[in-house]
PDB file of N, CA and C in Angstrom:
ATOM      1  N   MET A   1      30.690-163.135 -78.243  1.00  0.00           N
ATOM      2  CA  MET A   1      31.767-163.952 -77.258  1.00  0.00           C
ATOM      3  C   MET A   1      31.069-165.123 -77.358  1.00  0.00           C
ATOM      4  N   SER A   2      32.032-165.732 -76.490  1.00  0.00           N
ATOM      5  CA  SER A   2      32.161-167.095 -76.378  1.00  0.00           C
ATOM      6  C   SER A   2      32.210-166.831 -74.760  1.00  0.00           C
ATOM      7  N   GLN A   3      31.512-167.783 -74.229  1.00  0.00           N
ATOM      8  CA  GLN A   3      31.933-168.424 -72.561  1.00  0.00           C
ATOM      9  C   GLN A   3      33.260-168.510 -72.294  1.00  0.00           C
ATOM     10  N   ALA A   4      34.003-168.867 -72.969  1.00  0.00           N
ATOM     11  CA  ALA A   4      35.733-168.907 -72.882  1.00  0.00           C
ATOM     12  C   ALA A   4      36.166-167.463 -73.176  1.00  0.00           C
ATOM     13  N   HIS A   5      35.429-166.686 -74.158  1.00  0.00           N
ATOM     14  CA  HIS A   5      36.315-165.620 -73.905  1.00  0.00           C
ATOM     15  C   HIS A   5      35.701-164.587 -72.808  1.00  0.00           C
ATOM     16  N   VAL A   6      34.527-164.589 -72.199  1.00  0.00           N
ATOM     17  CA  VAL A   6      34.167-163.897 -70.972  1.00  0.00           C
ATOM     18  C   VAL A   6      35.176-164.152 -70.136  1.00  0.00           C
ATOM     19  N   GLU A   7      35.403-165.868 -70.155  1.00  0.00           N
ATOM     20  CA  GLU A   7      36.200-166.440 -68.873  1.00  0.00           C
ATOM     21  C   GLU A   7      37.803-165.506 -69.009  1.00  0.00           C
ATOM     22  N   GLN A   8      37.917-165.222 -70.036  1.00  0.00           N
ATOM     23  CA  GLN A   8      39.460-164.619 -69.824  1.00  0.00           C
ATOM     24  C   GLN A   8      39.510-163.868 -69.789  1.00  0.00           C
ATOM     25  N   ILE A   9      38.565-162.980 -70.083  1.00  0.00           N
ATOM     26  CA  ILE A   9      38.662-161.376 -69.603  1.00  0.00           C
ATOM     27  C   ILE A   9      38.357-161.441 -67.877  1.00  0.00           C
ATOM     28  N   LEU A  10      37.577-162.213 -67.210  1.00  0.00           N
ATOM     29  CA  LEU A  10      37.586-162.235 -66.169  1.00  0.00           C
ATOM     30  C   LEU A  10      38.992-162.703 -65.407  1.00  0.00           C
ATOM     31  N   GLY A  11      39.395-163.470 -66.004  1.00  0.00           N
ATOM     32  CA  GLY A  11      40.621-164.179 -65.377  1.00  0.00           C
ATOM     33  C   GLY A  11      41.906-162.927 -65.516  1.00  0.00           C
ATOM     34  N   ARG A  12      41.701-162.300 -66.426  1.00  0.00           N
ATOM     35  CA  ARG A  12      42.622-161.411 -66.385  1.00  0.00           C
ATOM     36  C   ARG A  12      42.780-160.126 -65.732  1.00  0.00           C
ATOM     37  N   LEU A  13      41.272-160.337 -65.546  1.00  0.00           N
ATOM     38  CA  LEU A  13      40.920-158.655 -64.352  1.00  0.00           C
ATOM     39  C   LEU A  13      41.213-159.714 -62.655  1.00  0.00           C
ATOM     40  N   VAL A  14      41.138-160.596 -62.527  1.00  0.00           N
ATOM     41  CA  VAL A  14      41.150-161.049 -61.330  1.00  0.00           C
ATOM     42  C   VAL A  14      42.789-161.817 -60.805  1.00  0.00           C
ATOM     43  N   THR A  15      43.950-161.767 -62.145  1.00  0.00           N
ATOM     44  CA  THR A  15      45.215-162.286 -61.570  1.00  0.00           C
ATOM     45  C   THR A  15      46.096-161.386 -62.208  1.00  0.00           C
ATOM     46  N   ASP A  16      45.550-160.351 -62.728  1.00  0.00           N
ATOM     47  CA  ASP A  16      46.521-159.103 -62.822  1.00  0.00           C
ATOM     48  C   ASP A  16      46.600-157.676 -62.082  1.00  0.00           C
ATOM     49  N   ALA A  17      46.992-157.550 -61.515  1.00  0.00           N
ATOM     50  CA  ALA A  17      46.598-156.429 -60.643  1.00  0.00           C
ATOM     51  C   ALA A  17      46.502-155.064 -61.518  1.00  0.00           C
ATOM     52  N   HIS A  18      47.394-155.226 -62.944  1.00  0.00           N
ATOM     53  CA  HIS A  18      47.872-153.539 -63.561  1.00  0.00           C
ATOM     54  C   HIS A  18      46.308-153.545 -64.471  1.00  0.00           C
ATOM     55  N   TRP A  19      45.537-154.827 -64.957  1.00  0.00           N
ATOM     56  CA  TRP A  19      44.347-154.595 -65.248  1.00  0.00           C
ATOM     57  C   TRP A  19      43.377-154.130 -64.528  1.00  0.00           C
ATOM     58  N   ARG A  20      43.546-155.077 -63.378  1.00  0.00           N
ATOM     59  CA  ARG A  20      42.488-154.584 -62.295  1.00  0.00           C
ATOM     60  C   ARG A  20      42.174-153.167 -61.531  1.00  0.00           C
ATOM     61  N   SER A  21      43.763-152.597 -61.584  1.00  0.00           N
ATOM     62  CA  SER A  21      43.611-151.287 -61.340  1.00  0.00           C
ATOM     63  C   SER A  21      43.516-150.269 -62.444  1.00  0.00           C
ATOM     64  N   ARG A  22      43.410-150.735 -63.845  1.00  0.00           N
ATOM     65  CA  ARG A  22      42.647-149.885 -64.456  1.00  0.00           C
ATOM     66  C   ARG A  22      41.524-149.610 -64.925  1.00  0.00           C
ATOM     67  N   PHE A  23      40.928-151.057 -64.758  1.00  0.00           N
ATOM     68  CA  PHE A  23      39.397-151.079 -64.383  1.00  0.00           C
ATOM     69  C   PHE A  23      38.565-150.552 -63.721  1.00  0.00           C
ATOM     70  N   ARG A  24      39.305-150.328 -62.590  1.00  0.00           N
ATOM     71  CA  ARG A  24      38.677-149.868 -61.487  1.00  0.00           C
ATOM     72  C   ARG A  24      38.552-148.361 -61.751  1.00  0.00           C
ATOM     73  N   GLU A  25      39.835-147.428 -62.404  1.00  0.00           N
ATOM     74  CA  GLU A  25      39.746-146.066 -62.687  1.00  0.00           C
ATOM     75  C   GLU A  25      38.702-146.072 -64.096  1.00  0.00           C
ATOM     76  N   ALA A  26      38.986-146.711 -65.177  1.00  0.00           N
ATOM     77  CA  ALA A  26      38.328-146.228 -66.408  1.00  0.00           C
ATOM     78  C   ALA A  26      37.905-147.924 -67.011  1.00  0.00           C
ATOM     79  N   PRO A  27      36.377-148.373 -66.375  1.00  0.00           N
ATOM     80  CA  PRO A  27      36.114-149.499 -66.758  1.00  0.00           C
ATOM     81  C   PRO A  27      35.832-149.709 -68.142  1.00  0.00           C
ATOM     82  N   GLY A  28      35.061-149.182 -68.882  1.00  0.00           N
ATOM     83  CA  GLY A  28      34.820-149.248 -70.182  1.00  0.00           C
ATOM     84  C   GLY A  28      35.974-149.036 -70.970  1.00  0.00           C
ATOM     85  N   ALA A  29      36.642-148.120 -71.111  1.00  0.00           N
ATOM     86  CA  ALA A  29      38.013-148.566 -71.303  1.00  0.00           C
ATOM     87  C   ALA A  29      38.735-149.328 -71.597  1.00  0.00           C
ATOM     88  N   THR A  30      38.971-149.882 -70.621  1.00  0.00           N
ATOM     89  CA  THR A  30      39.985-150.882 -69.860  1.00  0.00           C
ATOM     90  C   THR A  30      39.309-151.748 -70.558  1.00  0.00           C
ATOM     91  N   LEU A  31      38.140-152.459 -70.498  1.00  0.00           N
ATOM     92  CA  LEU A  31      37.375-153.612 -70.861  1.00  0.00           C
ATOM     93  C   LEU A  31      37.531-153.888 -72.750  1.00  0.00           C
ATOM     94  N   ASP A  32      37.888-152.491 -73.354  1.00  0.00           N
ATOM     95  CA  ASP A  32      37.821-152.211 -74.466  1.00  0.00           C
ATOM     96  C   ASP A  32      39.619-152.631 -75.045  1.00  0.00           C
ATOM     97  N   ALA A  33      39.858-152.271 -74.474  1.00  0.00           N
ATOM     98  CA  ALA A  33      41.839-152.827 -74.145  1.00  0.00           C
ATOM     99  C   ALA A  33      41.829-154.344 -73.948  1.00  0.00           C
ATOM    100  N   LEU A  34      41.382-154.614 -72.947  1.00  0.00           N
ATOM    101  CA  LEU A  34      41.507-156.103 -72.795  1.00  0.00           C
ATOM    102  C   LEU A  34      41.271-157.075 -73.859  1.00  0.00           C
ATOM    103  N   ALA A  35      40.039-156.732 -74.695  1.00  0.00           N
ATOM    104  CA  ALA A  35      39.199-157.408 -75.774  1.00  0.00           C
ATOM    105  C   ALA A  35      40.115-156.815 -76.945  1.00  0.00           C
ATOM    106  N   GLU A  36      41.024-155.569 -76.882  1.00  0.00           N
ATOM    107  CA  GLU A  36      41.671-155.647 -78.294  1.00  0.00           C
ATOM    108  C   GLU A  36      42.889-156.491 -78.160  1.00  0.00           C
ATOM    109  N   SER A  37      43.602-156.239 -76.781  1.00  0.00           N
ATOM    110  CA  SER A  37      44.838-157.101 -76.690  1.00  0.00           C
ATOM    111  C   SER A  37      44.562-158.434 -76.914  1.00  0.00           C
ATOM    112  N   SER A  38      43.717-159.317 -76.215  1.00  0.00           N
ATOM    113  CA  SER A  38      43.492-160.631 -76.812  1.00  0.00           C
ATOM    114  C   SER A  38      42.782-160.583 -77.957  1.00  0.00           C
ATOM    115  N   ALA A  39      42.736-160.431 -78.684  1.00  0.00           N
ATOM    116  CA  ALA A  39      41.724-160.446 -79.969  1.00  0.00           C
ATOM    117  C   ALA A  39      40.557-161.202 -79.678  1.00  0.00           C
ATOM    118  N   LEU A  40      39.673-160.489 -78.812  1.00  0.00           N
ATOM    119  CA  LEU A  40      38.356-161.248 -78.286  1.00  0.00           C
ATOM    120  C   LEU A  40      36.856-159.904 -78.701  1.00  0.00           C
ATOM    121  N   ASP A  41      36.168-160.809 -79.010  1.00  0.00           N
ATOM    122  CA  ASP A  41      35.021-159.575 -79.139  1.00  0.00           C
ATOM    123  C   ASP A  41      33.844-159.964 -78.408  1.00  0.00           C
ATOM    124  N   VAL A  42      33.322-158.936 -78.294  1.00  0.00           N
ATOM    125  CA  VAL A  42      32.300-158.556 -76.889  1.00  0.00           C
ATOM    126  C   VAL A  42      31.092-158.543 -77.461  1.00  0.00           C
ATOM    127  N   THR A  43      29.906-158.865 -77.123  1.00  0.00           N
ATOM    128  CA  THR A  43      28.754-158.586 -77.393  1.00  0.00           C
ATOM    129  C   THR A  43      28.034-157.338 -76.704  1.00  0.00           C
ATOM    130  N   PRO A  44      27.492-156.385 -77.278  1.00  0.00           N
ATOM    131  CA  PRO A  44      26.868-155.610 -76.153  1.00  0.00           C
ATOM    132  C   PRO A  44      26.296-156.112 -74.540  1.00  0.00           C
ATOM    133  N   THR A  45      25.598-157.106 -74.858  1.00  0.00           N
ATOM    134  CA  THR A  45      24.942-157.746 -73.596  1.00  0.00           C
ATOM    135  C   THR A  45      26.471-157.995 -72.472  1.00  0.00           C
ATOM    136  N   GLU A  46      27.317-158.830 -73.250  1.00  0.00           N
ATOM    137  CA  GLU A  46      28.368-159.449 -72.456  1.00  0.00           C
ATOM    138  C   GLU A  46      28.958-157.856 -71.692  1.00  0.00           C
ATOM    139  N   ARG A  47      29.397-156.963 -72.540  1.00  0.00           N
ATOM    140  CA  ARG A  47      30.435-155.858 -72.176  1.00  0.00           C
ATOM    141  C   ARG A  47      29.325-154.991 -70.741  1.00  0.00           C
ATOM    142  N   ARG A  48      28.277-155.227 -71.091  1.00  0.00           N
ATOM    143  CA  ARG A  48      27.072-154.281 -69.887  1.00  0.00           C
ATOM    144  C   ARG A  48      26.934-155.453 -68.671  1.00  0.00           C
ATOM    145  N   ALA A  49      27.343-156.588 -68.629  1.00  0.00           N
ATOM    146  CA  ALA A  49      27.508-157.364 -67.786  1.00  0.00           C
ATOM    147  C   ALA A  49      28.947-157.179 -67.088  1.00  0.00           C
ATOM    148  N   LEU A  50      29.977-157.180 -67.811  1.00  0.00           N
ATOM    149  CA  LEU A  50      31.340-157.120 -67.214  1.00  0.00           C
ATOM    150  C   LEU A  50      31.294-155.359 -66.986  1.00  0.00           C
ATOM    151  N   LEU A  51      30.772-154.503 -66.820  1.00  0.00           N
ATOM    152  CA  LEU A  51      30.962-153.824 -66.714  1.00  0.00           C
ATOM    153  C   LEU A  51      29.854-153.375 -65.260  1.00  0.00           C
ATOM    154  N   ALA A  52      29.433-154.226 -65.125  1.00  0.00           N
ATOM    155  CA  ALA A  52      28.374-154.024 -63.662  1.00  0.00           C
ATOM    156  C   ALA A  52      29.626-154.725 -62.673  1.00  0.00           C
ATOM    157  N   LEU A  53      30.543-155.528 -63.225  1.00  0.00           N
ATOM    158  CA  LEU A  53      31.280-156.282 -61.840  1.00  0.00           C
ATOM    159  C   LEU A  53      31.635-155.059 -61.054  1.00  0.00           C
ATOM    160  N   PRO A  54      31.206-155.534 -59.847  1.00  0.00           N
ATOM    161  CA  PRO A  54      31.788-154.230 -58.535  1.00  0.00           C
ATOM    162  C   PRO A  54      33.043-154.821 -58.389  1.00  0.00           C
ATOM    163  N   THR A  55      34.512-153.827 -58.771  1.00  0.00           N
ATOM    164  CA  THR A  55      35.639-153.845 -58.579  1.00  0.00           C
ATOM    165  C   THR A  55      36.027-154.321 -57.301  1.00  0.00           C
ATOM    166  N   GLU A  56      35.194-154.472 -56.150  1.00  0.00           N
ATOM    167  CA  GLU A  56      35.629-154.704 -54.562  1.00  0.00           C
ATOM    168  C   GLU A  56      35.269-156.135 -55.005  1.00  0.00           C
ATOM    169  N   ALA A  57      34.293-156.440 -55.596  1.00  0.00           N
ATOM    170  CA  ALA A  57      34.442-158.224 -55.778  1.00  0.00           C
ATOM    171  C   ALA A  57      35.443-158.987 -56.288  1.00  0.00           C
ATOM    172  N   LEU A  58      35.997-158.253 -57.343  1.00  0.00           N
ATOM    173  CA  LEU A  58      37.111-158.532 -58.392  1.00  0.00           C
ATOM    174  C   LEU A  58      38.183-158.410 -57.053  1.00  0.00           C
ATOM    175  N   ASP A  59      38.703-157.572 -56.351  1.00  0.00           N
ATOM    176  CA  ASP A  59      39.564-157.147 -55.438  1.00  0.00           C
ATOM    177  C   ASP A  59      39.547-158.375 -54.555  1.00  0.00           C
ATOM    178  N   ARG A  60      38.256-158.903 -53.950  1.00  0.00           N
ATOM    179  CA  ARG A  60      38.608-159.976 -53.175  1.00  0.00           C
ATOM    180  C   ARG A  60      38.581-161.276 -53.897  1.00  0.00           C
ATOM    181  N   PHE A  61      38.267-161.616 -54.881  1.00  0.00           N
ATOM    182  CA  PHE A  61      38.616-162.847 -55.813  1.00  0.00           C
ATOM    183  C   PHE A  61      40.567-163.082 -55.179  1.00  0.00           C
ATOM    184  N   ALA A  62      40.861-161.705 -56.084  1.00  0.00           N
ATOM    185  CA  ALA A  62      41.693-161.928 -55.920  1.00  0.00           C
ATOM    186  C   ALA A  62      43.052-161.836 -55.146  1.00  0.00           C
ATOM    187  N   GLU A  63      42.397-161.390 -53.953  1.00  0.00           N
ATOM    188  CA  GLU A  63      43.504-161.496 -52.483  1.00  0.00           C
ATOM    189  C   GLU A  63      43.051-163.115 -52.207  1.00  0.00           C
ATOM    190  N   ALA A  64      42.074-163.975 -52.674  1.00  0.00           N
ATOM    191  CA  ALA A  64      41.270-165.149 -52.560  1.00  0.00           C
ATOM    192  C   ALA A  64      42.415-166.122 -52.952  1.00  0.00           C
ATOM    193  N   LEU A  65      43.068-165.448 -54.162  1.00  0.00           N
ATOM    194  CA  LEU A  65      44.105-166.473 -55.033  1.00  0.00           C
ATOM    195  C   LEU A  65      45.398-166.651 -54.220  1.00  0.00           C
ATOM    196  N   ASP A  66      45.997-167.725 -54.616  1.00  0.00           N
ATOM    197  CA  ASP A  66      47.262-168.056 -54.559  1.00  0.00           C
ATOM    198  C   ASP A  66      48.246-167.118 -54.953  1.00  0.00           C
ATOM    199  N   PRO A  67      49.220-166.427 -54.312  1.00  0.00           N
ATOM    200  CA  PRO A  67      50.475-165.068 -55.077  1.00  0.00           C
ATOM    201  C   PRO A  67      50.545-165.912 -56.209  1.00  0.00           C
ATOM    202  N   ARG A  68      50.939-166.938 -56.026  1.00  0.00           N
ATOM    203  CA  ARG A  68      51.666-167.397 -57.212  1.00  0.00           C
ATOM    204  C   ARG A  68      50.953-167.430 -58.854  1.00  0.00           C
ATOM    205  N   LEU A  69      49.626-167.207 -58.325  1.00  0.00           N
ATOM    206  CA  LEU A  69      48.545-166.764 -59.481  1.00  0.00           C
ATOM    207  C   LEU A  69      48.666-165.672 -60.031  1.00  0.00           C
ATOM    208  N   GLN A  70      49.155-164.964 -59.332  1.00  0.00           N
ATOM    209  CA  GLN A  70      48.631-163.287 -59.690  1.00  0.00           C
ATOM    210  C   GLN A  70      50.022-162.690 -60.294  1.00  0.00           C
ATOM    211  N   ARG A  71      49.606-161.489 -60.764  1.00  0.00           N
ATOM    212  CA  ARG A  71      50.570-160.882 -61.797  1.00  0.00           C
ATOM    213  C   ARG A  71      50.433-159.740 -61.433  1.00  0.00           C
ATOM    214  N   TRP A  72      51.826-159.060 -60.865  1.00  0.00           N
ATOM    215  CA  TRP A  72      51.655-158.170 -59.718  1.00  0.00           C
ATOM    216  C   TRP A  72      52.451-156.913 -60.542  1.00  0.00           C
ATOM    217  N   GLU A  73      51.388-155.697 -60.129  1.00  0.00           N
ATOM    218  CA  GLU A  73      51.763-154.699 -61.131  1.00  0.00           C
ATOM    219  C   GLU A  73      53.082-153.802 -60.798  1.00  0.00           C
ATOM    220  N   VAL A  74      54.083-153.398 -61.604  1.00  0.00           N
ATOM    221  CA  VAL A  74      55.170-153.064 -60.877  1.00  0.00           C
ATOM    222  C   VAL A  74      55.421-151.362 -61.513  1.00  0.00           C
ATOM    223  N   ALA A  75      55.487-150.704 -60.251  1.00  0.00           N
ATOM    224  CA  ALA A  75      55.650-149.578 -60.295  1.00  0.00           C
ATOM    225  C   ALA A  75      57.197-149.098 -61.516  1.00  0.00           C
ATOM    226  N   ARG A  76      56.450-148.078 -61.962  1.00  0.00           N
ATOM    227  CA  ARG A  76      57.297-147.269 -63.157  1.00  0.00           C
ATOM    228  C   ARG A  76      57.810-146.307 -63.007  1.00  0.00           C
TER     229      ARG A  76
END
């Protein structure tokens, strides 16, 4: 995986409330789904690093972003 792929996954986690919520509940499955949906390869080292991300840090970063950059989760 390239640095650009890592950035894409991180970007989805901080700008998309749906993915962030899924990551909070099931980090491994969510990371796999994100990588698959975007056709991104994740090396074992990068996967471990992404799984080590504190969800609170992702939430804080997301809250700091301008709301126009966010994709909000819609209740179904």
